[in-house]
């Protein structure tokens, strides 16, 4: 039994060389690869546009936060000299 298994395992299989006209992708294969290439290009273009839009939103939000902090700091600096007895009227003249 063992010699039969060894003989079957060592038997070389025939090498089949396929016909070159069968192996080439042809026009359908080219169209499929071209479609995949165009789809990848459009997806990357859209992804970059979305990333850029997110970055701009982040910059605008940072600017708005900085403006709010500056306004709050200015109001706090203006309110430092006031006492509790004074009327806090925005239209009142400043000292």
PDB file of N, CA and C in Angstrom:
ATOM      1  N   UNK A   1       0.812  -1.187   0.000  1.00  0.00           N
ATOM      2  CA  UNK A   1       0.000   0.000   0.000  1.00  0.00           C
ATOM      3  C   UNK A   1       0.859   1.256   0.000  1.00  0.00           C
ATOM      4  N   UNK A   2       1.897   1.272   0.806  1.00  0.00           N
ATOM      5  CA  UNK A   2       2.775   2.429   0.877  1.00  0.00           C
ATOM      6  C   UNK A   2       3.479   2.701  -0.442  1.00  0.00           C
ATOM      7  N   UNK A   3       3.966   1.682  -1.155  1.00  0.00           N
ATOM      8  CA  UNK A   3       4.612   1.983  -2.450  1.00  0.00           C
ATOM      9  C   UNK A   3       3.627   2.594  -3.464  1.00  0.00           C
ATOM     10  N   UNK A   4       2.387   2.220  -3.400  1.00  0.00           N
ATOM     11  CA  UNK A   4       1.399   2.767  -4.335  1.00  0.00           C
ATOM     12  C   UNK A   4       1.181   4.247  -4.037  1.00  0.00           C
ATOM     13  N   UNK A   5       1.102   4.597  -2.774  1.00  0.00           N
ATOM     14  CA  UNK A   5       0.893   5.996  -2.391  1.00  0.00           C
ATOM     15  C   UNK A   5       2.099   6.826  -2.801  1.00  0.00           C
ATOM     16  N   UNK A   6       3.286   6.286  -2.592  1.00  0.00           N
ATOM     17  CA  UNK A   6       4.502   7.004  -2.963  1.00  0.00           C
ATOM     18  C   UNK A   6       4.570   7.164  -4.477  1.00  0.00           C
ATOM     19  N   UNK A   7       4.181   6.140  -5.216  1.00  0.00           N
ATOM     20  CA  UNK A   7       4.215   6.206  -6.679  1.00  0.00           C
ATOM     21  C   UNK A   7       3.211   7.228  -7.193  1.00  0.00           C
ATOM     22  N   UNK A   8       2.050   7.310  -6.589  1.00  0.00           N
ATOM     23  CA  UNK A   8       1.048   8.278  -7.020  1.00  0.00           C
ATOM     24  C   UNK A   8       1.455   9.705  -6.654  1.00  0.00           C
ATOM     25  N   UNK A   9       2.110   9.855  -5.530  1.00  0.00           N
ATOM     26  CA  UNK A   9       2.506  11.179  -5.079  1.00  0.00           C
ATOM     27  C   UNK A   9       3.645  11.732  -5.921  1.00  0.00           C
ATOM     28  N   UNK A  10       4.504  10.893  -6.428  1.00  0.00           N
ATOM     29  CA  UNK A  10       5.670  11.369  -7.168  1.00  0.00           C
ATOM     30  C   UNK A  10       5.428  11.421  -8.667  1.00  0.00           C
ATOM     31  N   UNK A  11       4.258  11.032  -9.128  1.00  0.00           N
ATOM     32  CA  UNK A  11       3.991  11.057 -10.561  1.00  0.00           C
ATOM     33  C   UNK A  11       3.822  12.508 -11.005  1.00  0.00           C
ATOM     34  N   UNK A  12       4.623  12.940 -11.960  1.00  0.00           N
ATOM     35  CA  UNK A  12       4.505  14.332 -12.411  1.00  0.00           C
ATOM     36  C   UNK A  12       3.204  14.536 -13.193  1.00  0.00           C
ATOM     37  N   UNK A  13       2.600  15.674 -12.962  1.00  0.00           N
ATOM     38  CA  UNK A  13       1.379  15.980 -13.696  1.00  0.00           C
ATOM     39  C   UNK A  13       1.775  16.655 -15.017  1.00  0.00           C
ATOM     40  N   UNK A  14       1.010  16.446 -16.036  1.00  0.00           N
ATOM     41  CA  UNK A  14       1.367  17.045 -17.323  1.00  0.00           C
ATOM     42  C   UNK A  14       1.210  18.564 -17.264  1.00  0.00           C
ATOM     43  N   UNK A  15       2.126  19.265 -17.924  1.00  0.00           N
ATOM     44  CA  UNK A  15       2.095  20.720 -17.971  1.00  0.00           C
ATOM     45  C   UNK A  15       1.236  21.138 -19.152  1.00  0.00           C
ATOM     46  N   UNK A  16       0.208  21.896 -18.846  1.00  0.00           N
ATOM     47  CA  UNK A  16      -0.704  22.339 -19.891  1.00  0.00           C
ATOM     48  C   UNK A  16      -0.419  23.806 -20.168  1.00  0.00           C
ATOM     49  N   UNK A  17      -0.081  24.117 -21.394  1.00  0.00           N
ATOM     50  CA  UNK A  17       0.113  25.520 -21.770  1.00  0.00           C
ATOM     51  C   UNK A  17      -1.151  25.991 -22.480  1.00  0.00           C
ATOM     52  N   UNK A  18      -1.839  26.950 -21.894  1.00  0.00           N
ATOM     53  CA  UNK A  18      -3.088  27.412 -22.498  1.00  0.00           C
ATOM     54  C   UNK A  18      -2.825  28.228 -23.760  1.00  0.00           C
ATOM     55  N   UNK A  19      -3.818  28.276 -24.591  1.00  0.00           N
ATOM     56  CA  UNK A  19      -3.748  29.061 -25.815  1.00  0.00           C
ATOM     57  C   UNK A  19      -3.712  30.549 -25.454  1.00  0.00           C
ATOM     58  N   UNK A  20      -2.831  31.322 -26.068  1.00  0.00           N
ATOM     59  CA  UNK A  20      -2.672  32.732 -25.753  1.00  0.00           C
ATOM     60  C   UNK A  20      -3.941  33.544 -26.041  1.00  0.00           C
ATOM     61  N   UNK A  21      -4.722  33.161 -27.012  1.00  0.00           N
ATOM     62  CA  UNK A  21      -5.932  33.919 -27.323  1.00  0.00           C
ATOM     63  C   UNK A  21      -7.015  33.715 -26.273  1.00  0.00           C
ATOM     64  N   UNK A  22      -6.938  32.640 -25.516  1.00  0.00           N
ATOM     65  CA  UNK A  22      -7.913  32.380 -24.472  1.00  0.00           C
ATOM     66  C   UNK A  22      -7.532  33.115 -23.187  1.00  0.00           C
ATOM     67  N   UNK A  23      -6.241  33.295 -22.933  1.00  0.00           N
ATOM     68  CA  UNK A  23      -5.752  33.859 -21.682  1.00  0.00           C
ATOM     69  C   UNK A  23      -5.893  35.381 -21.646  1.00  0.00           C
ATOM     70  N   UNK A  24      -5.803  36.067 -22.750  1.00  0.00           N
ATOM     71  CA  UNK A  24      -5.850  37.522 -22.757  1.00  0.00           C
ATOM     72  C   UNK A  24      -7.236  38.009 -22.358  1.00  0.00           C
ATOM     73  N   UNK A  25      -7.318  39.145 -21.681  1.00  0.00           N
ATOM     74  CA  UNK A  25      -8.607  39.611 -21.193  1.00  0.00           C
ATOM     75  C   UNK A  25      -9.545  40.105 -22.296  1.00  0.00           C
ATOM     76  N   UNK A  26      -9.009  40.620 -23.369  1.00  0.00           N
ATOM     77  CA  UNK A  26      -9.854  41.083 -24.462  1.00  0.00           C
ATOM     78  C   UNK A  26     -10.520  42.404 -24.151  1.00  0.00           C
ATOM     79  N   UNK A  27     -11.417  42.839 -24.996  1.00  0.00           N
ATOM     80  CA  UNK A  27     -12.055  44.149 -24.810  1.00  0.00           C
ATOM     81  C   UNK A  27     -12.945  44.212 -23.561  1.00  0.00           C
ATOM     82  N   UNK A  28     -13.595  43.131 -23.227  1.00  0.00           N
ATOM     83  CA  UNK A  28     -14.440  43.126 -22.040  1.00  0.00           C
ATOM     84  C   UNK A  28     -13.602  43.301 -20.771  1.00  0.00           C
ATOM     85  N   UNK A  29     -12.466  42.641 -20.711  1.00  0.00           N
ATOM     86  CA  UNK A  29     -11.569  42.794 -19.559  1.00  0.00           C
ATOM     87  C   UNK A  29     -11.019  44.204 -19.474  1.00  0.00           C
ATOM     88  N   UNK A  30     -10.673  44.779 -20.628  1.00  0.00           N
ATOM     89  CA  UNK A  30     -10.187  46.161 -20.638  1.00  0.00           C
ATOM     90  C   UNK A  30     -11.272  47.108 -20.135  1.00  0.00           C
ATOM     91  N   UNK A  31     -12.495  46.911 -20.588  1.00  0.00           N
ATOM     92  CA  UNK A  31     -13.605  47.771 -20.162  1.00  0.00           C
ATOM     93  C   UNK A  31     -13.839  47.644 -18.657  1.00  0.00           C
ATOM     94  N   UNK A  32     -13.739  46.442 -18.127  1.00  0.00           N
ATOM     95  CA  UNK A  32     -13.939  46.241 -16.691  1.00  0.00           C
ATOM     96  C   UNK A  32     -12.862  46.955 -15.884  1.00  0.00           C
ATOM     97  N   UNK A  33     -11.607  46.832 -16.300  1.00  0.00           N
ATOM     98  CA  UNK A  33     -10.502  47.487 -15.593  1.00  0.00           C
ATOM     99  C   UNK A  33     -10.614  49.009 -15.736  1.00  0.00           C
ATOM    100  N   UNK A  34     -10.997  49.486 -16.916  1.00  0.00           N
ATOM    101  CA  UNK A  34     -11.168  50.928 -17.116  1.00  0.00           C
ATOM    102  C   UNK A  34     -12.285  51.451 -16.213  1.00  0.00           C
ATOM    103  N   UNK A  35     -13.390  50.710 -16.113  1.00  0.00           N
ATOM    104  CA  UNK A  35     -14.491  51.114 -15.237  1.00  0.00           C
ATOM    105  C   UNK A  35     -14.029  51.181 -13.789  1.00  0.00           C
ATOM    106  N   UNK A  36     -13.281  50.193 -13.337  1.00  0.00           N
ATOM    107  CA  UNK A  36     -12.775  50.183 -11.958  1.00  0.00           C
ATOM    108  C   UNK A  36     -11.841  51.367 -11.735  1.00  0.00           C
ATOM    109  N   UNK A  37     -10.985  51.666 -12.712  1.00  0.00           N
ATOM    110  CA  UNK A  37     -10.066  52.803 -12.593  1.00  0.00           C
ATOM    111  C   UNK A  37     -10.806  54.124 -12.486  1.00  0.00           C
ATOM    112  N   UNK A  38     -11.822  54.316 -13.324  1.00  0.00           N
ATOM    113  CA  UNK A  38     -12.605  55.557 -13.276  1.00  0.00           C
ATOM    114  C   UNK A  38     -13.362  55.653 -11.955  1.00  0.00           C
ATOM    115  N   UNK A  39     -13.915  54.557 -11.492  1.00  0.00           N
ATOM    116  CA  UNK A  39     -14.648  54.557 -10.225  1.00  0.00           C
ATOM    117  C   UNK A  39     -13.727  54.912  -9.058  1.00  0.00           C
ATOM    118  N   UNK A  40     -12.526  54.355  -9.044  1.00  0.00           N
ATOM    119  CA  UNK A  40     -11.569  54.661  -7.977  1.00  0.00           C
ATOM    120  C   UNK A  40     -11.189  56.140  -8.034  1.00  0.00           C
ATOM    121  N   UNK A  41     -10.952  56.661  -9.230  1.00  0.00           N
ATOM    122  CA  UNK A  41     -10.598  58.074  -9.373  1.00  0.00           C
ATOM    123  C   UNK A  41     -11.710  58.962  -8.829  1.00  0.00           C
ATOM    124  N   UNK A  42     -12.952  58.673  -9.177  1.00  0.00           N
ATOM    125  CA  UNK A  42     -14.070  59.489  -8.708  1.00  0.00           C
ATOM    126  C   UNK A  42     -14.250  59.377  -7.198  1.00  0.00           C
ATOM    127  N   UNK A  43     -14.063  58.191  -6.649  1.00  0.00           N
ATOM    128  CA  UNK A  43     -14.178  58.026  -5.198  1.00  0.00           C
ATOM    129  C   UNK A  43     -13.091  58.797  -4.455  1.00  0.00           C
ATOM    130  N   UNK A  44     -11.864  58.755  -4.959  1.00  0.00           N
ATOM    131  CA  UNK A  44     -10.766  59.499  -4.324  1.00  0.00           C
ATOM    132  C   UNK A  44     -11.030  60.998  -4.431  1.00  0.00           C
ATOM    133  N   UNK A  45     -11.497  61.454  -5.576  1.00  0.00           N
ATOM    134  CA  UNK A  45     -11.801  62.871  -5.768  1.00  0.00           C
ATOM    135  C   UNK A  45     -12.872  63.322  -4.777  1.00  0.00           C
ATOM    136  N   UNK A  46     -13.920  62.537  -4.617  1.00  0.00           N
ATOM    137  CA  UNK A  46     -14.992  62.869  -3.684  1.00  0.00           C
ATOM    138  C   UNK A  46     -14.501  62.838  -2.240  1.00  0.00           C
ATOM    139  N   UNK A  47     -13.661  61.869  -1.907  1.00  0.00           N
ATOM    140  CA  UNK A  47     -13.130  61.768  -0.549  1.00  0.00           C
ATOM    141  C   UNK A  47     -12.287  62.999  -0.211  1.00  0.00           C
ATOM    142  N   UNK A  48     -11.439  63.427  -1.149  1.00  0.00           N
ATOM    143  CA  UNK A  48     -10.607  64.603  -0.900  1.00  0.00           C
ATOM    144  C   UNK A  48     -11.468  65.854  -0.740  1.00  0.00           C
ATOM    145  N   UNK A  49     -12.537  65.953  -1.516  1.00  0.00           N
ATOM    146  CA  UNK A  49     -13.432  67.100  -1.409  1.00  0.00           C
ATOM    147  C   UNK A  49     -14.094  67.124  -0.034  1.00  0.00           C
ATOM    148  N   UNK A  50     -14.525  65.970   0.446  1.00  0.00           N
ATOM    149  CA  UNK A  50     -15.165  65.910   1.761  1.00  0.00           C
ATOM    150  C   UNK A  50     -14.171  66.218   2.882  1.00  0.00           C
ATOM    151  N   UNK A  51     -12.959  65.744   2.763  1.00  0.00           N
ATOM    152  CA  UNK A  51     -11.938  66.031   3.778  1.00  0.00           C
ATOM    153  C   UNK A  51     -11.641  67.521   3.796  1.00  0.00           C
ATOM    154  N   UNK A  52     -11.513  68.121   2.615  1.00  0.00           N
ATOM    155  CA  UNK A  52     -11.245  69.550   2.518  1.00  0.00           C
ATOM    156  C   UNK A  52     -12.392  70.351   3.142  1.00  0.00           C
ATOM    157  N   UNK A  53     -13.627  69.962   2.877  1.00  0.00           N
ATOM    158  CA  UNK A  53     -14.797  70.651   3.439  1.00  0.00           C
ATOM    159  C   UNK A  53     -14.787  70.548   4.960  1.00  0.00           C
ATOM    160  N   UNK A  54     -14.454  69.390   5.486  1.00  0.00           N
ATOM    161  CA  UNK A  54     -14.372  69.226   6.937  1.00  0.00           C
ATOM    162  C   UNK A  54     -13.286  70.077   7.552  1.00  0.00           C
ATOM    163  N   UNK A  55     -12.164  70.191   6.860  1.00  0.00           N
ATOM    164  CA  UNK A  55     -11.055  71.013   7.354  1.00  0.00           C
ATOM    165  C   UNK A  55     -11.472  72.484   7.386  1.00  0.00           C
ATOM    166  N   UNK A  56     -12.169  72.956   6.342  1.00  0.00           N
ATOM    167  CA  UNK A  56     -12.625  74.350   6.320  1.00  0.00           C
ATOM    168  C   UNK A  56     -13.615  74.609   7.446  1.00  0.00           C
ATOM    169  N   UNK A  57     -14.515  73.672   7.685  1.00  0.00           N
ATOM    170  CA  UNK A  57     -15.470  73.837   8.783  1.00  0.00           C
ATOM    171  C   UNK A  57     -14.749  73.928  10.117  1.00  0.00           C
ATOM    172  N   UNK A  58     -13.720  73.111  10.290  1.00  0.00           N
ATOM    173  CA  UNK A  58     -12.947  73.134  11.534  1.00  0.00           C
ATOM    174  C   UNK A  58     -12.253  74.477  11.716  1.00  0.00           C
ATOM    175  N   UNK A  59     -11.699  75.033  10.635  1.00  0.00           N
ATOM    176  CA  UNK A  59     -11.031  76.331  10.722  1.00  0.00           C
ATOM    177  C   UNK A  59     -12.026  77.438  11.062  1.00  0.00           C
ATOM    178  N   UNK A  60     -13.202  77.406  10.441  1.00  0.00           N
ATOM    179  CA  UNK A  60     -14.213  78.427  10.718  1.00  0.00           C
ATOM    180  C   UNK A  60     -14.688  78.315  12.163  1.00  0.00           C
ATOM    181  N   UNK A  61     -14.906  77.109  12.647  1.00  0.00           N
ATOM    182  CA  UNK A  61     -15.327  76.930  14.036  1.00  0.00           C
ATOM    183  C   UNK A  61     -14.254  77.432  15.001  1.00  0.00           C
ATOM    184  N   UNK A  62     -12.991  77.202  14.682  1.00  0.00           N
ATOM    185  CA  UNK A  62     -11.901  77.688  15.540  1.00  0.00           C
ATOM    186  C   UNK A  62     -11.880  79.217  15.554  1.00  0.00           C
ATOM    187  N   UNK A  63     -12.091  79.849  14.394  1.00  0.00           N
ATOM    188  CA  UNK A  63     -12.134  81.313  14.342  1.00  0.00           C
ATOM    189  C   UNK A  63     -13.312  81.860  15.148  1.00  0.00           C
ATOM    190  N   UNK A  64     -14.478  81.221  15.030  1.00  0.00           N
ATOM    191  CA  UNK A  64     -15.648  81.671  15.791  1.00  0.00           C
ATOM    192  C   UNK A  64     -15.419  81.517  17.295  1.00  0.00           C
ATOM    193  N   UNK A  65     -14.802  80.417  17.696  1.00  0.00           N
ATOM    194  CA  UNK A  65     -14.491  80.221  19.113  1.00  0.00           C
ATOM    195  C   UNK A  65     -13.514  81.283  19.612  1.00  0.00           C
ATOM    196  N   UNK A  66     -12.522  81.615  18.804  1.00  0.00           N
ATOM    197  CA  UNK A  66     -11.552  82.636  19.192  1.00  0.00           C
ATOM    198  C   UNK A  66     -12.226  84.000  19.321  1.00  0.00           C
ATOM    199  N   UNK A  67     -13.146  84.310  18.415  1.00  0.00           N
ATOM    200  CA  UNK A  67     -13.868  85.581  18.504  1.00  0.00           C
ATOM    201  C   UNK A  67     -14.731  85.630  19.762  1.00  0.00           C
ATOM    202  N   UNK A  68     -15.413  84.536  20.078  1.00  0.00           N
ATOM    203  CA  UNK A  68     -16.238  84.494  21.286  1.00  0.00           C
ATOM    204  C   UNK A  68     -15.394  84.662  22.537  1.00  0.00           C
ATOM    205  N   UNK A  69     -14.227  84.037  22.569  1.00  0.00           N
ATOM    206  CA  UNK A  69     -13.342  84.175  23.727  1.00  0.00           C
ATOM    207  C   UNK A  69     -12.827  85.601  23.849  1.00  0.00           C
ATOM    208  N   UNK A  70     -12.522  86.243  22.713  1.00  0.00           N
ATOM    209  CA  UNK A  70     -12.040  87.624  22.746  1.00  0.00           C
ATOM    210  C   UNK A  70     -13.137  88.560  23.249  1.00  0.00           C
ATOM    211  N   UNK A  71     -14.373  88.341  22.815  1.00  0.00           N
ATOM    212  CA  UNK A  71     -15.486  89.168  23.273  1.00  0.00           C
ATOM    213  C   UNK A  71     -15.711  88.971  24.768  1.00  0.00           C
ATOM    214  N   UNK A  72     -15.657  87.721  25.218  1.00  0.00           N
ATOM    215  CA  UNK A  72     -15.842  87.441  26.643  1.00  0.00           C
ATOM    216  C   UNK A  72     -14.719  88.061  27.467  1.00  0.00           C
ATOM    217  N   UNK A  73     -13.501  88.008  26.978  1.00  0.00           N
ATOM    218  CA  UNK A  73     -12.370  88.596  27.706  1.00  0.00           C
ATOM    219  C   UNK A  73     -12.503  90.114  27.756  1.00  0.00           C
ATOM    220  N   UNK A  74     -12.966  90.726  26.654  1.00  0.00           N
ATOM    221  CA  UNK A  74     -13.140  92.182  26.626  1.00  0.00           C
ATOM    222  C   UNK A  74     -14.238  92.595  27.604  1.00  0.00           C
ATOM    223  N   UNK A  75     -15.344  91.853  27.627  1.00  0.00           N
ATOM    224  CA  UNK A  75     -16.424  92.175  28.557  1.00  0.00           C
ATOM    225  C   UNK A  75     -15.970  92.002  30.007  1.00  0.00           C
ATOM    226  N   UNK A  76     -15.194  90.955  30.268  1.00  0.00           N
ATOM    227  CA  UNK A  76     -14.692  90.743  31.633  1.00  0.00           C
ATOM    228  C   UNK A  76     -13.752  91.871  32.033  1.00  0.00           C
ATOM    229  N   UNK A  77     -12.919  92.350  31.109  1.00  0.00           N
ATOM    230  CA  UNK A  77     -12.003  93.451  31.415  1.00  0.00           C
ATOM    231  C   UNK A  77     -12.770  94.743  31.648  1.00  0.00           C
ATOM    232  N   UNK A  78     -13.869  94.965  30.926  1.00  0.00           N
ATOM    233  CA  UNK A  78     -14.674  96.165  31.120  1.00  0.00           C
ATOM    234  C   UNK A  78     -15.426  96.117  32.444  1.00  0.00           C
ATOM    235  N   UNK A  79     -15.828  94.944  32.862  1.00  0.00           N
ATOM    236  CA  UNK A  79     -16.611  94.800  34.089  1.00  0.00           C
ATOM    237  C   UNK A  79     -15.757  94.797  35.350  1.00  0.00           C
ATOM    238  N   UNK A  80     -14.447  94.794  35.227  1.00  0.00           N
ATOM    239  CA  UNK A  80     -13.573  94.727  36.402  1.00  0.00           C
ATOM    240  C   UNK A  80     -13.701  95.985  37.250  1.00  0.00           C
ATOM    241  N   UNK A  81     -13.827  97.155  36.643  1.00  0.00           N
ATOM    242  CA  UNK A  81     -13.869  98.410  37.392  1.00  0.00           C
ATOM    243  C   UNK A  81     -15.231  98.747  37.956  1.00  0.00           C
ATOM    244  N   UNK A  82     -16.260  98.002  37.685  1.00  0.00           N
ATOM    245  CA  UNK A  82     -17.607  98.322  38.151  1.00  0.00           C
ATOM    246  C   UNK A  82     -17.858  97.792  39.556  1.00  0.00           C
ATOM    247  N   UNK A  83     -18.761  98.446  40.242  1.00  0.00           N
ATOM    248  CA  UNK A  83     -19.197  97.956  41.555  1.00  0.00           C
ATOM    249  C   UNK A  83     -20.608  97.414  41.420  1.00  0.00           C
ATOM    250  N   UNK A  84     -21.088  96.785  42.461  1.00  0.00           N
ATOM    251  CA  UNK A  84     -22.429  96.203  42.424  1.00  0.00           C
ATOM    252  C   UNK A  84     -23.515  97.274  42.417  1.00  0.00           C
ATOM    253  N   UNK A  85     -23.204  98.474  42.931  1.00  0.00           N
ATOM    254  CA  UNK A  85     -24.195  99.536  43.011  1.00  0.00           C
ATOM    255  C   UNK A  85     -24.446 100.207  41.672  1.00  0.00           C
ATOM    256  N   UNK A  86     -23.503 100.106  40.767  1.00  0.00           N
ATOM    257  CA  UNK A  86     -23.643 100.777  39.478  1.00  0.00           C
ATOM    258  C   UNK A  86     -24.641 100.039  38.599  1.00  0.00           C
ATOM    259  N   UNK A  87     -25.348 100.791  37.840  1.00  0.00           N
ATOM    260  CA  UNK A  87     -26.292 100.224  36.887  1.00  0.00           C
ATOM    261  C   UNK A  87     -25.509  99.756  35.667  1.00  0.00           C
ATOM    262  N   UNK A  88     -25.690  98.525  35.297  1.00  0.00           N
ATOM    263  CA  UNK A  88     -24.975  97.995  34.138  1.00  0.00           C
ATOM    264  C   UNK A  88     -25.875  98.195  32.934  1.00  0.00           C
ATOM    265  N   UNK A  89     -25.662  99.307  32.282  1.00  0.00           N
ATOM    266  CA  UNK A  89     -26.452  99.665  31.103  1.00  0.00           C
ATOM    267  C   UNK A  89     -25.481  99.788  29.932  1.00  0.00           C
ATOM    268  N   UNK A  90     -25.679  98.970  28.866  1.00  0.00           N
ATOM    269  CA  UNK A  90     -24.742  99.038  27.747  1.00  0.00           C
ATOM    270  C   UNK A  90     -24.754 100.377  27.035  1.00  0.00           C
ATOM    271  N   UNK A  91     -25.863 101.135  27.158  1.00  0.00           N
ATOM    272  CA  UNK A  91     -25.929 102.424  26.482  1.00  0.00           C
ATOM    273  C   UNK A  91     -25.348 103.548  27.325  1.00  0.00           C
ATOM    274  N   UNK A  92     -25.070 103.271  28.602  1.00  0.00           N
ATOM    275  CA  UNK A  92     -24.530 104.295  29.492  1.00  0.00           C
ATOM    276  C   UNK A  92     -23.115 104.653  29.080  1.00  0.00           C
ATOM    277  N   UNK A  93     -22.731 105.926  29.255  1.00  0.00           N
ATOM    278  CA  UNK A  93     -21.367 106.327  28.888  1.00  0.00           C
ATOM    279  C   UNK A  93     -20.336 105.671  29.800  1.00  0.00           C
ATOM    280  N   UNK A  94     -19.232 105.345  29.237  1.00  0.00           N
ATOM    281  CA  UNK A  94     -18.125 104.712  29.990  1.00  0.00           C
ATOM    282  C   UNK A  94     -17.267 105.787  30.647  1.00  0.00           C
ATOM    283  N   UNK A  95     -16.619 105.464  31.750  1.00  0.00           N
ATOM    284  CA  UNK A  95     -15.698 106.378  32.413  1.00  0.00           C
ATOM    285  C   UNK A  95     -14.351 106.350  31.765  1.00  0.00           C
TER     286      UNK A  95
END
